[in-house]
N, C-alpha and C. Protein backbone atom coordinates (compact mmCIF):
# COMPACT_ATOMS: atom_id res chain seq x y z
N UNK A 1 -0.47 6.70 33.14
CA UNK A 1 -0.98 6.41 31.80
C UNK A 1 -2.50 6.28 31.85
N UNK A 2 -3.14 6.70 30.75
CA UNK A 2 -4.59 6.55 30.65
C UNK A 2 -4.97 5.08 30.72
N UNK A 3 -6.15 4.81 31.21
CA UNK A 3 -6.65 3.44 31.30
C UNK A 3 -6.99 2.95 29.89
N UNK A 4 -6.09 2.17 29.29
CA UNK A 4 -6.28 1.74 27.91
C UNK A 4 -7.50 0.83 27.75
N UNK A 5 -7.82 0.09 28.80
CA UNK A 5 -8.98 -0.80 28.70
C UNK A 5 -10.29 -0.03 28.55
N UNK A 6 -10.26 1.23 28.96
CA UNK A 6 -11.47 2.05 28.90
C UNK A 6 -11.59 2.83 27.60
N UNK A 7 -10.57 2.77 26.76
CA UNK A 7 -10.60 3.50 25.48
C UNK A 7 -11.35 2.64 24.47
N UNK A 8 -12.55 3.05 24.13
CA UNK A 8 -13.35 2.28 23.17
C UNK A 8 -14.43 3.18 22.59
N UNK A 9 -14.94 2.77 21.45
CA UNK A 9 -16.10 3.43 20.87
C UNK A 9 -16.88 2.37 20.10
N UNK A 10 -18.13 2.67 19.85
CA UNK A 10 -18.94 1.73 19.07
C UNK A 10 -18.92 2.18 17.61
N UNK A 11 -19.23 1.26 16.71
CA UNK A 11 -19.22 1.53 15.28
C UNK A 11 -20.66 1.50 14.78
N UNK A 12 -21.14 2.67 14.35
CA UNK A 12 -22.57 2.81 14.08
C UNK A 12 -22.88 3.43 12.72
N UNK A 13 -21.89 3.52 11.84
CA UNK A 13 -22.12 4.20 10.57
C UNK A 13 -22.96 3.39 9.60
N UNK A 14 -23.06 2.09 9.79
CA UNK A 14 -23.88 1.29 8.89
C UNK A 14 -23.28 -0.07 8.62
N UNK A 15 -24.12 -1.00 8.18
CA UNK A 15 -23.66 -2.35 7.94
C UNK A 15 -23.27 -2.58 6.49
N UNK A 16 -22.89 -3.82 6.23
CA UNK A 16 -22.50 -4.23 4.88
C UNK A 16 -23.18 -5.55 4.59
N UNK A 17 -23.85 -5.64 3.44
CA UNK A 17 -24.61 -6.83 3.07
C UNK A 17 -24.09 -7.38 1.75
N UNK A 18 -24.28 -8.69 1.58
CA UNK A 18 -23.80 -9.33 0.35
C UNK A 18 -24.39 -8.65 -0.88
N UNK A 19 -25.63 -8.23 -0.81
CA UNK A 19 -26.28 -7.59 -1.96
C UNK A 19 -25.63 -6.26 -2.33
N UNK A 20 -24.87 -5.67 -1.38
CA UNK A 20 -24.21 -4.39 -1.64
C UNK A 20 -22.91 -4.56 -2.42
N UNK A 21 -22.39 -5.77 -2.49
CA UNK A 21 -21.06 -6.01 -3.01
C UNK A 21 -21.05 -6.33 -4.49
N UNK A 22 -20.04 -5.82 -5.19
CA UNK A 22 -19.80 -6.21 -6.57
C UNK A 22 -19.25 -7.64 -6.59
N UNK A 23 -19.47 -8.35 -7.69
CA UNK A 23 -18.90 -9.69 -7.84
C UNK A 23 -17.39 -9.63 -8.05
N UNK A 24 -16.88 -8.47 -8.41
CA UNK A 24 -15.45 -8.27 -8.65
C UNK A 24 -14.87 -7.45 -7.51
N UNK A 25 -13.92 -7.99 -6.74
CA UNK A 25 -13.41 -7.24 -5.58
C UNK A 25 -12.65 -5.98 -5.96
N UNK A 26 -12.06 -5.94 -7.15
CA UNK A 26 -11.34 -4.74 -7.55
C UNK A 26 -12.31 -3.60 -7.87
N UNK A 27 -13.47 -3.96 -8.43
CA UNK A 27 -14.52 -2.96 -8.64
C UNK A 27 -15.03 -2.47 -7.29
N UNK A 28 -15.24 -3.40 -6.35
CA UNK A 28 -15.70 -3.02 -5.01
C UNK A 28 -14.67 -2.15 -4.31
N UNK A 29 -13.40 -2.49 -4.44
CA UNK A 29 -12.35 -1.68 -3.81
C UNK A 29 -12.32 -0.28 -4.40
N UNK A 30 -12.40 -0.17 -5.72
CA UNK A 30 -12.37 1.15 -6.34
C UNK A 30 -13.54 2.00 -5.86
N UNK A 31 -14.70 1.37 -5.67
CA UNK A 31 -15.88 2.09 -5.15
C UNK A 31 -15.60 2.63 -3.75
N UNK A 32 -15.05 1.79 -2.88
CA UNK A 32 -14.74 2.24 -1.52
C UNK A 32 -13.63 3.27 -1.52
N UNK A 33 -12.63 3.11 -2.37
CA UNK A 33 -11.55 4.09 -2.43
C UNK A 33 -12.08 5.45 -2.87
N UNK A 34 -12.94 5.46 -3.87
CA UNK A 34 -13.53 6.73 -4.32
C UNK A 34 -14.33 7.39 -3.20
N UNK A 35 -15.03 6.60 -2.41
CA UNK A 35 -15.77 7.17 -1.29
C UNK A 35 -14.83 7.73 -0.23
N UNK A 36 -13.70 7.06 -0.01
CA UNK A 36 -12.72 7.57 0.95
C UNK A 36 -12.14 8.90 0.47
N UNK A 37 -11.88 9.00 -0.83
CA UNK A 37 -11.36 10.26 -1.39
C UNK A 37 -12.41 11.36 -1.30
N UNK A 38 -13.66 11.03 -1.65
CA UNK A 38 -14.74 12.02 -1.60
C UNK A 38 -15.02 12.48 -0.17
N UNK A 39 -14.75 11.61 0.80
CA UNK A 39 -14.95 11.98 2.21
C UNK A 39 -13.81 12.85 2.73
N UNK A 40 -12.85 13.14 1.87
CA UNK A 40 -11.70 14.00 2.21
C UNK A 40 -10.89 13.41 3.37
N UNK A 41 -10.74 12.09 3.37
CA UNK A 41 -9.88 11.46 4.37
C UNK A 41 -8.43 11.84 4.10
N UNK A 42 -7.65 11.97 5.14
CA UNK A 42 -6.24 12.25 4.98
C UNK A 42 -5.53 11.00 4.47
N UNK A 43 -4.77 11.14 3.40
CA UNK A 43 -4.01 10.04 2.82
C UNK A 43 -4.87 8.80 2.55
N UNK A 44 -5.92 8.91 1.77
CA UNK A 44 -6.78 7.75 1.52
C UNK A 44 -6.09 6.63 0.75
N UNK A 45 -4.98 6.94 0.06
CA UNK A 45 -4.27 5.90 -0.69
C UNK A 45 -3.13 5.28 0.11
N UNK A 46 -2.97 5.70 1.36
CA UNK A 46 -1.92 5.13 2.22
C UNK A 46 -2.31 3.72 2.62
N UNK A 47 -1.35 2.80 2.54
CA UNK A 47 -1.63 1.40 2.88
C UNK A 47 -0.43 0.82 3.62
N UNK A 48 -0.71 -0.02 4.59
CA UNK A 48 0.34 -0.74 5.28
C UNK A 48 0.76 -1.92 4.42
N UNK A 49 2.06 -2.03 4.18
CA UNK A 49 2.62 -3.17 3.46
C UNK A 49 3.36 -4.05 4.45
N UNK A 50 2.95 -5.31 4.56
CA UNK A 50 3.60 -6.26 5.45
C UNK A 50 4.39 -7.27 4.63
N UNK A 51 5.66 -7.45 5.00
CA UNK A 51 6.53 -8.43 4.36
C UNK A 51 7.13 -9.32 5.44
N UNK A 52 7.77 -10.41 4.99
CA UNK A 52 8.42 -11.34 5.91
C UNK A 52 9.82 -11.61 5.39
N UNK A 53 10.83 -11.53 6.29
CA UNK A 53 12.21 -11.71 5.83
C UNK A 53 12.62 -13.18 5.83
N UNK A 54 13.87 -13.43 5.51
CA UNK A 54 14.37 -14.79 5.38
C UNK A 54 14.32 -15.56 6.69
N UNK A 55 14.31 -14.85 7.82
CA UNK A 55 14.24 -15.49 9.13
C UNK A 55 12.81 -15.64 9.64
N UNK A 56 11.83 -15.24 8.83
CA UNK A 56 10.44 -15.33 9.24
C UNK A 56 9.95 -14.16 10.06
N UNK A 57 10.73 -13.09 10.13
CA UNK A 57 10.35 -11.90 10.91
C UNK A 57 9.47 -10.98 10.07
N UNK A 58 8.22 -10.75 10.46
CA UNK A 58 7.37 -9.80 9.73
C UNK A 58 7.83 -8.36 9.94
N UNK A 59 7.54 -7.51 8.97
CA UNK A 59 7.85 -6.09 9.06
C UNK A 59 6.76 -5.33 8.32
N UNK A 60 6.43 -4.13 8.83
CA UNK A 60 5.38 -3.33 8.21
C UNK A 60 5.87 -1.90 8.01
N UNK A 61 5.31 -1.26 7.00
CA UNK A 61 5.56 0.16 6.76
C UNK A 61 4.42 0.71 5.89
N UNK A 62 4.30 2.03 5.85
CA UNK A 62 3.26 2.68 5.04
C UNK A 62 3.84 3.01 3.67
N UNK A 63 3.13 2.62 2.62
CA UNK A 63 3.45 3.03 1.26
C UNK A 63 2.17 3.60 0.64
N UNK A 64 2.30 4.17 -0.55
CA UNK A 64 1.14 4.80 -1.20
C UNK A 64 0.75 4.02 -2.44
N UNK A 65 -0.54 3.77 -2.58
CA UNK A 65 -1.07 3.14 -3.78
C UNK A 65 -0.99 4.14 -4.93
N UNK A 66 -0.33 3.74 -6.02
CA UNK A 66 -0.14 4.66 -7.14
C UNK A 66 -0.81 4.21 -8.43
N UNK A 67 -1.29 2.98 -8.46
CA UNK A 67 -2.03 2.52 -9.64
C UNK A 67 -2.84 1.29 -9.25
N UNK A 68 -3.99 1.15 -9.88
CA UNK A 68 -4.85 -0.01 -9.65
C UNK A 68 -5.52 -0.39 -10.96
N UNK A 69 -5.41 -1.66 -11.34
CA UNK A 69 -6.16 -2.17 -12.48
C UNK A 69 -6.45 -3.64 -12.22
N UNK A 70 -6.92 -4.35 -13.24
CA UNK A 70 -7.32 -5.74 -13.05
C UNK A 70 -6.14 -6.64 -12.67
N UNK A 71 -4.92 -6.15 -12.86
CA UNK A 71 -3.73 -6.95 -12.51
C UNK A 71 -3.34 -6.80 -11.05
N UNK A 72 -3.74 -5.71 -10.39
CA UNK A 72 -3.43 -5.56 -8.98
C UNK A 72 -3.09 -4.15 -8.54
N UNK A 73 -2.43 -4.06 -7.38
CA UNK A 73 -2.15 -2.83 -6.66
C UNK A 73 -0.68 -2.47 -6.80
N UNK A 74 -0.36 -1.24 -7.24
CA UNK A 74 1.01 -0.86 -7.55
C UNK A 74 1.52 0.20 -6.57
N UNK A 75 2.74 -0.02 -6.07
CA UNK A 75 3.45 1.00 -5.29
C UNK A 75 4.89 1.06 -5.79
N UNK A 76 5.60 2.13 -5.43
CA UNK A 76 6.97 2.34 -5.90
C UNK A 76 7.92 2.50 -4.72
N UNK A 77 9.17 2.06 -4.93
CA UNK A 77 10.14 2.10 -3.84
C UNK A 77 11.55 1.88 -4.39
N UNK A 78 12.51 1.90 -3.48
CA UNK A 78 13.89 1.58 -3.79
C UNK A 78 14.04 0.06 -3.82
N UNK A 79 14.60 -0.48 -4.90
CA UNK A 79 14.74 -1.92 -5.05
C UNK A 79 15.83 -2.51 -4.15
N UNK A 80 16.54 -1.65 -3.40
CA UNK A 80 17.55 -2.14 -2.46
C UNK A 80 17.12 -1.91 -1.01
N UNK A 81 15.86 -1.53 -0.81
CA UNK A 81 15.35 -1.24 0.53
C UNK A 81 15.08 -2.52 1.31
N UNK A 82 14.74 -2.34 2.58
CA UNK A 82 14.40 -3.48 3.44
C UNK A 82 13.24 -4.26 2.85
N UNK A 83 12.19 -3.55 2.43
CA UNK A 83 11.02 -4.23 1.89
C UNK A 83 11.36 -5.02 0.63
N UNK A 84 12.23 -4.46 -0.21
CA UNK A 84 12.62 -5.14 -1.44
C UNK A 84 13.44 -6.39 -1.15
N UNK A 85 14.29 -6.33 -0.13
CA UNK A 85 15.06 -7.50 0.26
C UNK A 85 14.14 -8.61 0.77
N UNK A 86 13.12 -8.23 1.54
CA UNK A 86 12.14 -9.22 2.00
C UNK A 86 11.41 -9.85 0.81
N UNK A 87 10.97 -9.01 -0.11
CA UNK A 87 10.22 -9.50 -1.27
C UNK A 87 11.06 -10.45 -2.11
N UNK A 88 12.36 -10.19 -2.18
CA UNK A 88 13.24 -11.03 -2.98
C UNK A 88 13.27 -12.47 -2.48
N UNK A 89 13.11 -12.67 -1.17
CA UNK A 89 13.14 -14.02 -0.61
C UNK A 89 11.74 -14.58 -0.35
N UNK A 90 10.75 -13.69 -0.25
CA UNK A 90 9.37 -14.15 -0.02
C UNK A 90 8.41 -13.15 -0.67
N UNK A 91 7.92 -13.45 -1.87
CA UNK A 91 7.06 -12.49 -2.59
C UNK A 91 5.63 -12.42 -2.07
N UNK A 92 5.30 -13.20 -1.03
CA UNK A 92 3.95 -13.13 -0.46
C UNK A 92 3.88 -11.95 0.50
N UNK A 93 2.92 -11.05 0.29
CA UNK A 93 2.79 -9.85 1.11
C UNK A 93 1.33 -9.62 1.47
N UNK A 94 1.12 -8.65 2.35
CA UNK A 94 -0.23 -8.23 2.72
C UNK A 94 -0.29 -6.71 2.69
N UNK A 95 -1.43 -6.18 2.24
CA UNK A 95 -1.71 -4.75 2.25
C UNK A 95 -2.90 -4.50 3.18
N UNK A 96 -2.93 -3.32 3.79
CA UNK A 96 -4.05 -2.97 4.67
C UNK A 96 -4.36 -1.49 4.52
N UNK A 97 -5.62 -1.18 4.25
CA UNK A 97 -6.11 0.20 4.16
C UNK A 97 -6.97 0.48 5.38
N UNK A 98 -6.55 1.39 6.28
CA UNK A 98 -7.30 1.69 7.50
C UNK A 98 -8.11 2.98 7.37
N UNK A 99 -9.30 2.87 6.86
CA UNK A 99 -10.14 4.05 6.69
C UNK A 99 -11.02 4.24 7.94
N UNK A 100 -10.38 4.69 9.03
CA UNK A 100 -11.03 4.74 10.33
C UNK A 100 -12.28 5.61 10.34
N UNK A 101 -12.21 6.77 9.70
CA UNK A 101 -13.34 7.70 9.75
C UNK A 101 -14.60 7.13 9.11
N UNK A 102 -14.43 6.20 8.20
CA UNK A 102 -15.58 5.54 7.56
C UNK A 102 -15.90 4.21 8.23
N UNK A 103 -15.14 3.89 9.30
CA UNK A 103 -15.30 2.63 10.01
C UNK A 103 -15.15 1.45 9.05
N UNK A 104 -14.14 1.56 8.18
CA UNK A 104 -13.88 0.54 7.17
C UNK A 104 -12.40 0.19 7.15
N UNK A 105 -12.12 -1.02 6.75
CA UNK A 105 -10.77 -1.42 6.44
C UNK A 105 -10.80 -2.48 5.34
N UNK A 106 -9.72 -2.54 4.58
CA UNK A 106 -9.59 -3.55 3.53
C UNK A 106 -8.24 -4.22 3.70
N UNK A 107 -8.24 -5.55 3.63
CA UNK A 107 -7.00 -6.32 3.73
C UNK A 107 -6.83 -7.13 2.45
N UNK A 108 -5.63 -7.04 1.88
CA UNK A 108 -5.31 -7.76 0.65
C UNK A 108 -4.12 -8.66 0.91
N UNK A 109 -4.22 -9.92 0.54
CA UNK A 109 -3.08 -10.83 0.58
C UNK A 109 -2.79 -11.29 -0.84
N UNK A 110 -1.51 -11.28 -1.21
CA UNK A 110 -1.18 -11.65 -2.58
C UNK A 110 0.30 -11.84 -2.79
N UNK A 111 0.67 -11.87 -4.05
CA UNK A 111 2.04 -12.11 -4.47
C UNK A 111 2.52 -10.91 -5.27
N UNK A 112 3.79 -10.53 -5.04
CA UNK A 112 4.37 -9.34 -5.65
C UNK A 112 5.19 -9.69 -6.89
N UNK A 113 5.13 -8.81 -7.87
CA UNK A 113 6.05 -8.86 -9.01
C UNK A 113 6.46 -7.43 -9.33
N UNK A 114 7.62 -7.26 -9.96
CA UNK A 114 8.03 -5.93 -10.39
C UNK A 114 7.21 -5.51 -11.59
N UNK A 115 6.89 -4.22 -11.67
CA UNK A 115 6.25 -3.69 -12.87
C UNK A 115 7.31 -3.53 -13.95
N UNK A 116 6.88 -3.28 -15.18
CA UNK A 116 7.83 -3.10 -16.27
C UNK A 116 8.61 -1.80 -16.08
N UNK A 117 9.78 -1.73 -16.70
CA UNK A 117 10.58 -0.51 -16.61
C UNK A 117 9.84 0.67 -17.21
N UNK A 118 9.07 0.42 -18.28
CA UNK A 118 8.32 1.52 -18.90
C UNK A 118 7.27 2.08 -17.94
N UNK A 119 6.64 1.22 -17.13
CA UNK A 119 5.69 1.70 -16.14
C UNK A 119 6.39 2.53 -15.07
N UNK A 120 7.55 2.03 -14.62
CA UNK A 120 8.30 2.78 -13.60
C UNK A 120 8.76 4.13 -14.14
N UNK A 121 9.22 4.14 -15.39
CA UNK A 121 9.69 5.39 -15.99
C UNK A 121 8.55 6.39 -16.13
N UNK A 122 7.39 5.91 -16.55
CA UNK A 122 6.24 6.80 -16.71
C UNK A 122 5.87 7.45 -15.38
N UNK A 123 5.83 6.65 -14.31
CA UNK A 123 5.48 7.22 -13.02
C UNK A 123 6.58 8.14 -12.51
N UNK A 124 7.85 7.72 -12.64
CA UNK A 124 8.96 8.52 -12.14
C UNK A 124 8.96 9.90 -12.79
N UNK A 125 8.66 9.94 -14.09
CA UNK A 125 8.65 11.21 -14.81
C UNK A 125 7.53 12.14 -14.34
N UNK A 126 6.49 11.56 -13.73
CA UNK A 126 5.36 12.37 -13.26
C UNK A 126 5.63 12.98 -11.88
N UNK A 127 6.67 12.53 -11.19
CA UNK A 127 6.94 13.02 -9.83
C UNK A 127 7.56 14.42 -9.88
N UNK A 128 7.36 15.20 -8.85
CA UNK A 128 8.07 16.48 -8.76
C UNK A 128 9.58 16.24 -8.80
N UNK A 129 10.32 17.19 -9.34
CA UNK A 129 11.75 17.00 -9.49
C UNK A 129 12.44 16.72 -8.15
N UNK A 130 11.98 17.38 -7.08
CA UNK A 130 12.60 17.17 -5.77
C UNK A 130 12.43 15.72 -5.31
N UNK A 131 11.29 15.11 -5.63
CA UNK A 131 11.08 13.71 -5.28
C UNK A 131 11.97 12.80 -6.12
N UNK A 132 12.17 13.17 -7.39
CA UNK A 132 13.08 12.42 -8.24
C UNK A 132 14.50 12.45 -7.67
N UNK A 133 14.92 13.63 -7.27
CA UNK A 133 16.26 13.78 -6.70
C UNK A 133 16.40 13.01 -5.38
N UNK A 134 15.34 12.99 -4.60
CA UNK A 134 15.38 12.27 -3.32
C UNK A 134 15.58 10.78 -3.54
N UNK A 135 15.00 10.25 -4.61
CA UNK A 135 15.18 8.83 -4.91
C UNK A 135 16.65 8.51 -5.16
N UNK A 136 17.36 9.43 -5.82
CA UNK A 136 18.79 9.26 -6.06
C UNK A 136 19.61 9.46 -4.78
N UNK A 137 19.18 10.38 -3.92
CA UNK A 137 19.99 10.77 -2.77
C UNK A 137 19.94 9.78 -1.62
N UNK A 138 18.83 9.05 -1.50
CA UNK A 138 18.63 8.21 -0.33
C UNK A 138 18.93 6.74 -0.61
N UNK A 139 19.86 6.18 0.14
CA UNK A 139 20.11 4.73 0.12
C UNK A 139 19.14 4.12 1.12
N UNK A 140 17.91 3.94 0.71
CA UNK A 140 16.80 3.64 1.61
C UNK A 140 17.07 2.44 2.52
N UNK A 141 16.75 2.59 3.77
CA UNK A 141 16.85 1.58 4.83
C UNK A 141 18.26 1.38 5.36
N UNK A 142 19.25 2.00 4.76
CA UNK A 142 20.62 1.83 5.25
C UNK A 142 20.94 2.88 6.31
N UNK A 143 21.81 2.56 7.28
CA UNK A 143 22.17 3.54 8.31
C UNK A 143 22.82 4.78 7.69
N UNK A 144 22.52 5.94 8.28
CA UNK A 144 23.13 7.19 7.85
C UNK A 144 23.47 8.00 9.10
N UNK A 145 24.60 8.67 9.09
CA UNK A 145 25.11 9.28 10.30
C UNK A 145 24.33 10.51 10.74
N UNK A 146 23.74 11.25 9.79
CA UNK A 146 23.04 12.47 10.17
C UNK A 146 22.12 12.93 9.05
N UNK A 147 21.16 13.78 9.39
CA UNK A 147 20.32 14.38 8.37
C UNK A 147 21.14 15.33 7.49
N UNK A 148 22.16 15.95 8.09
CA UNK A 148 23.02 16.85 7.33
C UNK A 148 23.66 16.12 6.14
N UNK A 149 24.11 14.88 6.39
CA UNK A 149 24.69 14.10 5.30
C UNK A 149 23.65 13.80 4.23
N UNK A 150 22.43 13.49 4.65
CA UNK A 150 21.36 13.23 3.68
C UNK A 150 21.12 14.46 2.81
N UNK A 151 21.09 15.64 3.42
CA UNK A 151 20.86 16.86 2.65
C UNK A 151 22.05 17.17 1.73
N UNK A 152 23.25 16.83 2.16
CA UNK A 152 24.42 17.01 1.30
C UNK A 152 24.30 16.13 0.06
N UNK A 153 23.83 14.90 0.25
CA UNK A 153 23.64 14.00 -0.88
C UNK A 153 22.54 14.51 -1.81
N UNK A 154 21.49 15.05 -1.22
CA UNK A 154 20.39 15.60 -2.01
C UNK A 154 20.89 16.78 -2.84
N UNK A 155 21.64 17.69 -2.22
CA UNK A 155 22.16 18.85 -2.94
C UNK A 155 23.17 18.45 -4.02
N UNK A 156 23.93 17.38 -3.75
CA UNK A 156 24.87 16.89 -4.76
C UNK A 156 24.12 16.37 -5.98
N UNK A 157 22.99 15.69 -5.77
CA UNK A 157 22.18 15.19 -6.89
C UNK A 157 21.54 16.37 -7.64
N UNK A 158 21.13 17.38 -6.89
CA UNK A 158 20.55 18.56 -7.52
C UNK A 158 21.55 19.23 -8.46
N UNK A 159 22.79 19.29 -8.01
CA UNK A 159 23.84 19.88 -8.84
C UNK A 159 24.16 18.97 -10.03
N UNK A 160 24.21 17.69 -9.80
CA UNK A 160 24.56 16.73 -10.86
C UNK A 160 23.58 16.77 -12.02
N UNK A 161 22.30 16.92 -11.70
CA UNK A 161 21.27 16.85 -12.73
C UNK A 161 20.65 18.21 -13.05
N UNK A 162 21.33 19.29 -12.72
CA UNK A 162 20.73 20.62 -12.89
C UNK A 162 20.57 21.01 -14.35
N UNK A 163 21.29 20.36 -15.26
CA UNK A 163 21.25 20.76 -16.67
C UNK A 163 20.14 20.08 -17.47
N UNK A 164 19.54 19.04 -16.92
CA UNK A 164 18.53 18.33 -17.72
C UNK A 164 17.57 17.53 -16.86
N UNK A 165 16.88 16.58 -17.49
CA UNK A 165 15.92 15.75 -16.78
C UNK A 165 16.64 14.78 -15.85
N UNK A 166 15.96 14.45 -14.76
CA UNK A 166 16.50 13.48 -13.81
C UNK A 166 16.17 12.08 -14.32
N UNK A 167 17.17 11.24 -14.57
CA UNK A 167 16.88 9.91 -15.12
C UNK A 167 16.34 8.96 -14.05
N UNK A 168 15.68 7.91 -14.50
CA UNK A 168 15.18 6.88 -13.59
C UNK A 168 16.35 6.09 -13.03
N UNK A 169 16.49 6.01 -11.70
CA UNK A 169 17.59 5.20 -11.13
C UNK A 169 17.37 3.72 -11.45
N UNK A 170 18.44 3.00 -11.67
CA UNK A 170 18.33 1.57 -11.95
C UNK A 170 17.84 0.79 -10.74
N UNK A 171 17.98 1.39 -9.54
CA UNK A 171 17.62 0.73 -8.29
C UNK A 171 16.25 1.15 -7.77
N UNK A 172 15.44 1.75 -8.62
CA UNK A 172 14.16 2.30 -8.16
C UNK A 172 13.06 1.90 -9.14
N UNK A 173 11.89 1.54 -8.62
CA UNK A 173 10.79 1.20 -9.52
C UNK A 173 9.58 0.69 -8.76
N UNK A 174 8.68 0.08 -9.49
CA UNK A 174 7.40 -0.32 -8.92
C UNK A 174 7.27 -1.80 -8.68
N UNK A 175 6.33 -2.12 -7.79
CA UNK A 175 5.90 -3.49 -7.53
C UNK A 175 4.39 -3.56 -7.71
N UNK A 176 3.93 -4.67 -8.20
CA UNK A 176 2.48 -4.91 -8.31
C UNK A 176 2.10 -6.08 -7.41
N UNK A 177 1.14 -5.86 -6.54
CA UNK A 177 0.62 -6.92 -5.69
C UNK A 177 -0.58 -7.55 -6.40
N UNK A 178 -0.41 -8.80 -6.79
CA UNK A 178 -1.50 -9.55 -7.44
C UNK A 178 -2.33 -10.21 -6.35
N UNK A 179 -3.56 -9.77 -6.13
CA UNK A 179 -4.33 -10.24 -4.98
C UNK A 179 -4.80 -11.69 -5.12
N UNK A 180 -4.72 -12.41 -4.01
CA UNK A 180 -5.28 -13.75 -3.92
C UNK A 180 -6.53 -13.76 -3.05
N UNK A 181 -6.53 -12.93 -2.00
CA UNK A 181 -7.73 -12.71 -1.19
C UNK A 181 -7.86 -11.23 -0.89
N UNK A 182 -9.09 -10.75 -0.81
CA UNK A 182 -9.37 -9.36 -0.44
C UNK A 182 -10.54 -9.37 0.53
N UNK A 183 -10.32 -8.78 1.71
CA UNK A 183 -11.37 -8.74 2.72
C UNK A 183 -11.85 -7.30 2.93
N UNK A 184 -13.16 -7.13 2.93
CA UNK A 184 -13.80 -5.85 3.21
C UNK A 184 -14.45 -5.92 4.58
N UNK A 185 -14.10 -4.96 5.44
CA UNK A 185 -14.56 -4.92 6.82
C UNK A 185 -15.32 -3.62 7.05
N UNK A 186 -16.54 -3.74 7.56
CA UNK A 186 -17.35 -2.58 7.92
C UNK A 186 -17.71 -2.70 9.39
N UNK A 187 -17.40 -1.68 10.19
CA UNK A 187 -17.69 -1.73 11.60
C UNK A 187 -19.17 -1.87 11.89
N UNK A 188 -19.49 -2.60 12.95
CA UNK A 188 -20.88 -2.81 13.36
C UNK A 188 -21.05 -2.61 14.85
N UNK A 189 -22.27 -2.35 15.29
CA UNK A 189 -22.56 -2.15 16.69
C UNK A 189 -22.28 -3.39 17.52
N UNK A 190 -21.88 -3.17 18.78
CA UNK A 190 -21.60 -4.25 19.71
C UNK A 190 -20.51 -5.20 19.22
N UNK A 191 -19.61 -4.68 18.41
CA UNK A 191 -18.49 -5.44 17.85
C UNK A 191 -18.95 -6.55 16.90
N UNK A 192 -20.19 -6.46 16.42
CA UNK A 192 -20.70 -7.42 15.43
C UNK A 192 -20.45 -6.85 14.04
N UNK A 193 -19.18 -6.80 13.67
CA UNK A 193 -18.76 -6.20 12.41
C UNK A 193 -19.15 -7.08 11.23
N UNK A 194 -19.21 -6.46 10.05
CA UNK A 194 -19.47 -7.19 8.81
C UNK A 194 -18.17 -7.39 8.06
N UNK A 195 -17.87 -8.64 7.72
CA UNK A 195 -16.65 -8.99 7.00
C UNK A 195 -16.99 -9.91 5.83
N UNK A 196 -16.49 -9.53 4.65
CA UNK A 196 -16.65 -10.38 3.47
C UNK A 196 -15.29 -10.57 2.83
N UNK A 197 -14.99 -11.82 2.54
CA UNK A 197 -13.70 -12.14 1.92
C UNK A 197 -13.90 -12.72 0.52
N UNK A 198 -13.19 -12.11 -0.43
CA UNK A 198 -13.12 -12.63 -1.79
C UNK A 198 -11.86 -13.48 -1.89
N UNK A 199 -11.97 -14.65 -2.51
CA UNK A 199 -10.82 -15.52 -2.73
C UNK A 199 -10.76 -15.89 -4.21
N UNK A 200 -9.56 -15.79 -4.78
CA UNK A 200 -9.40 -16.12 -6.20
C UNK A 200 -9.48 -17.63 -6.40
N UNK A 201 -10.24 -18.06 -7.41
CA UNK A 201 -10.37 -19.47 -7.76
C UNK A 201 -10.13 -19.61 -9.26
N UNK A 202 -10.10 -20.84 -9.73
CA UNK A 202 -9.93 -21.08 -11.17
C UNK A 202 -11.12 -20.55 -11.96
N UNK A 203 -12.27 -20.42 -11.30
CA UNK A 203 -13.47 -19.93 -11.97
C UNK A 203 -13.72 -18.44 -11.79
N UNK A 204 -12.84 -17.77 -11.05
CA UNK A 204 -13.04 -16.34 -10.79
C UNK A 204 -12.86 -16.05 -9.32
N UNK A 205 -13.85 -15.37 -8.72
CA UNK A 205 -13.77 -15.00 -7.31
C UNK A 205 -14.93 -15.62 -6.54
N UNK A 206 -14.61 -16.24 -5.41
CA UNK A 206 -15.65 -16.68 -4.48
C UNK A 206 -15.80 -15.64 -3.39
N UNK A 207 -16.98 -15.57 -2.79
CA UNK A 207 -17.25 -14.59 -1.74
C UNK A 207 -17.90 -15.30 -0.56
N UNK A 208 -17.37 -15.04 0.64
CA UNK A 208 -17.99 -15.62 1.82
C UNK A 208 -17.96 -14.60 2.95
N UNK A 209 -18.98 -14.68 3.81
CA UNK A 209 -19.04 -13.83 5.00
C UNK A 209 -18.19 -14.48 6.08
N UNK A 210 -17.43 -13.66 6.82
CA UNK A 210 -16.62 -14.13 7.93
C UNK A 210 -17.22 -13.64 9.25
N UNK A 211 -17.13 -14.44 10.26
CA UNK A 211 -17.57 -14.00 11.59
C UNK A 211 -16.65 -12.89 12.08
N UNK A 212 -17.21 -11.91 12.80
CA UNK A 212 -16.37 -10.78 13.26
C UNK A 212 -15.41 -11.21 14.35
């Protein structure tokens, strides 16, 4: 195996200063997200979602950010999935955006709520039909004997709905993460990174620098 202790690089793309930051972390996040998209990063909206189950076991997976406004960060999934079961017993979650090429990362901690059915329906209708059918075909997170069986279920849904629009499954929809803290991390030389954390207060958002 390669010597893992020797795998390292320095971060030299630039620092981050308090004067550079918006007073609103969602405005600041949108600015960084737009820069990630403009930099042509692969999957710039991909984020790690961390949940904790009833036994206190953390779990992580990649989901895609599909909407952002002053209320929070929205993603969509199966409401019977592993992540949904975790959320049902503990709505506190964490999101992480790893924009390595820009030497940036953003961490969000907050509380989850389901979006309205009308929001879920609007997004579901915008998906390609094959993705709509996949939502019906997959009992997400449950054991399945083979990929062949999965494709059989997919083809069965294709046949079932071939005459019209694919309806929104009752077990599928969106979640909104309402942020309580948002941290912006910019890599710095000699591991002296710049970190700023926004925390929600009764008066709005406080901002403080964190040691790297």
